[in-house]
Every structure is written in C-alpha cells, then in structure tokens.
Amino acid sequence: MITDRNSDLLKEAVSELARLRSAAEGPTRFLTHLYASALEEWAHRLGMETLQLNELVLTSDRFPGHDVR
C-alpha cells in the first residue's frame, strides 16, 4: 500500500520509468536493460512488486496526466 509519504516518490518513479520505457521501445538493448534495472530499483524503494509498478507506468503512458495515487 502506498502511503501519502511515498506519493511524491511514486510520481517521480512513474515519470522516470515512463521516459525510460518510451526510449527502450527502440532497437537499443541497453535501454531495455536500463529500464528493467530502474524498474526493479524503484519497486524495491517503494516496497512494490515490479509488475504492479510497470502497470502504473503503462497506465501513465495511456492516460497522460493521470494521478498515480
């Protein structure tokens, strides 16, 4: 469960990961690995599962301006 205290951190994570994810969609394997690594790091910092955080990133891509809380 994300607390109010972690809300800003979650927004920062989703924003950073969304930028990395869009860059990783290109043909560069390095960026794909960078995204996966950043996803794991943020998930660990937030106490979340990587799949759950990845879904939030996907949602932010589909619905720009969507509040991740």
C-alpha atoms as a PDB file:
ATOM      1  CA  MET A   1       0.000   0.000   0.000  1.00  0.00           C
ATOM      2  CA  ILE A   2       1.346   3.412  -0.965  1.00  0.00           C
ATOM      3  CA  THR A   3       1.181   5.969   1.831  1.00  0.00           C
ATOM      4  CA  ASP A   4       0.875   9.720   1.344  1.00  0.00           C
ATOM      5  CA  ARG A   5       4.511   9.995   2.343  1.00  0.00           C
ATOM      6  CA  ASN A   6       5.512   7.826  -0.629  1.00  0.00           C
ATOM      7  CA  SER A   7       3.152   9.509  -3.088  1.00  0.00           C
ATOM      8  CA  ASP A   8       5.749  12.002  -4.356  1.00  0.00           C
ATOM      9  CA  LEU A   9       8.316   9.230  -4.661  1.00  0.00           C
ATOM     10  CA  LEU A  10       5.833   7.129  -6.649  1.00  0.00           C
ATOM     11  CA  LYS A  11       5.106  10.026  -9.007  1.00  0.00           C
ATOM     12  CA  GLU A  12       8.828  10.526  -9.528  1.00  0.00           C
ATOM     13  CA  ALA A  13       9.306   6.817 -10.211  1.00  0.00           C
ATOM     14  CA  VAL A  14       6.466   6.599 -12.723  1.00  0.00           C
ATOM     15  CA  SER A  15       7.660   9.722 -14.521  1.00  0.00           C
ATOM     16  CA  GLU A  16      11.245   8.490 -14.784  1.00  0.00           C
ATOM     17  CA  LEU A  17      10.198   4.997 -15.804  1.00  0.00           C
ATOM     18  CA  ALA A  18       7.772   6.270 -18.430  1.00  0.00           C
ATOM     19  CA  ARG A  19      10.600   8.247 -20.057  1.00  0.00           C
ATOM     20  CA  LEU A  20      12.926   5.239 -19.953  1.00  0.00           C
ATOM     21  CA  ARG A  21      10.231   2.893 -21.240  1.00  0.00           C
ATOM     22  CA  SER A  22       9.496   5.036 -24.286  1.00  0.00           C
ATOM     23  CA  ALA A  23      13.229   5.232 -25.040  1.00  0.00           C
ATOM     24  CA  ALA A  24      13.574   1.467 -24.537  1.00  0.00           C
ATOM     25  CA  GLU A  25      10.959   0.754 -27.199  1.00  0.00           C
ATOM     26  CA  GLY A  26      13.636   1.461 -29.795  1.00  0.00           C
ATOM     27  CA  PRO A  27      16.116  -1.106 -31.075  1.00  0.00           C
ATOM     28  CA  THR A  28      18.684  -0.483 -28.326  1.00  0.00           C
ATOM     29  CA  ARG A  29      19.106  -3.409 -25.961  1.00  0.00           C
ATOM     30  CA  PHE A  30      20.992  -1.263 -23.478  1.00  0.00           C
ATOM     31  CA  LEU A  31      17.947   0.956 -22.853  1.00  0.00           C
ATOM     32  CA  THR A  32      15.749  -2.094 -22.374  1.00  0.00           C
ATOM     33  CA  HIS A  33      18.127  -3.347 -19.675  1.00  0.00           C
ATOM     34  CA  LEU A  34      18.313   0.137 -18.163  1.00  0.00           C
ATOM     35  CA  TYR A  35      14.501   0.280 -17.921  1.00  0.00           C
ATOM     36  CA  ALA A  36      14.318  -3.174 -16.312  1.00  0.00           C
ATOM     37  CA  SER A  37      17.018  -2.250 -13.816  1.00  0.00           C
ATOM     38  CA  ALA A  38      15.375   1.070 -12.932  1.00  0.00           C
ATOM     39  CA  LEU A  39      12.005  -0.657 -12.590  1.00  0.00           C
ATOM     40  CA  GLU A  40      13.456  -3.137 -10.095  1.00  0.00           C
ATOM     41  CA  GLU A  41      15.234  -0.399  -8.147  1.00  0.00           C
ATOM     42  CA  TRP A  42      12.135   1.813  -7.885  1.00  0.00           C
ATOM     43  CA  ALA A  43       9.908  -1.129  -6.973  1.00  0.00           C
ATOM     44  CA  HIS A  44      12.296  -2.068  -4.175  1.00  0.00           C
ATOM     45  CA  ARG A  45      12.454   1.533  -2.883  1.00  0.00           C
ATOM     46  CA  LEU A  46       8.659   1.761  -2.923  1.00  0.00           C
ATOM     47  CA  GLY A  47       8.063  -1.708  -1.474  1.00  0.00           C
ATOM     48  CA  MET A  48       6.065  -2.754  -4.544  1.00  0.00           C
ATOM     49  CA  GLU A  49       6.103  -5.647  -6.955  1.00  0.00           C
ATOM     50  CA  THR A  50       7.800  -4.802 -10.260  1.00  0.00           C
ATOM     51  CA  LEU A  51       4.746  -5.919 -12.232  1.00  0.00           C
ATOM     52  CA  GLN A  52       2.499  -3.606 -10.222  1.00  0.00           C
ATOM     53  CA  LEU A  53       4.801  -0.635 -10.808  1.00  0.00           C
ATOM     54  CA  ASN A  54       5.136  -1.491 -14.502  1.00  0.00           C
ATOM     55  CA  GLU A  55       1.320  -1.416 -14.784  1.00  0.00           C
ATOM     56  CA  LEU A  56       1.314   2.097 -13.297  1.00  0.00           C
ATOM     57  CA  VAL A  57       3.901   3.150 -15.871  1.00  0.00           C
ATOM     58  CA  LEU A  58       1.800   1.655 -18.675  1.00  0.00           C
ATOM     59  CA  THR A  59      -1.274   3.464 -17.325  1.00  0.00           C
ATOM     60  CA  SER A  60       0.601   6.760 -17.246  1.00  0.00           C
ATOM     61  CA  ASP A  61       1.587   6.230 -20.896  1.00  0.00           C
ATOM     62  CA  ARG A  62      -2.001   5.587 -21.911  1.00  0.00           C
ATOM     63  CA  PHE A  63      -3.555   8.322 -19.781  1.00  0.00           C
ATOM     64  CA  PRO A  64      -1.173  11.303 -19.574  1.00  0.00           C
ATOM     65  CA  GLY A  65      -1.893  13.471 -16.570  1.00  0.00           C
ATOM     66  CA  HIS A  66      -3.451  10.519 -14.706  1.00  0.00           C
ATOM     67  CA  ASP A  67      -2.744  10.731 -10.973  1.00  0.00           C
ATOM     68  CA  VAL A  68      -0.918   7.550  -9.929  1.00  0.00           C
ATOM     69  CA  ARG A  69      -2.342   7.658  -6.411  1.00  0.00           C
END
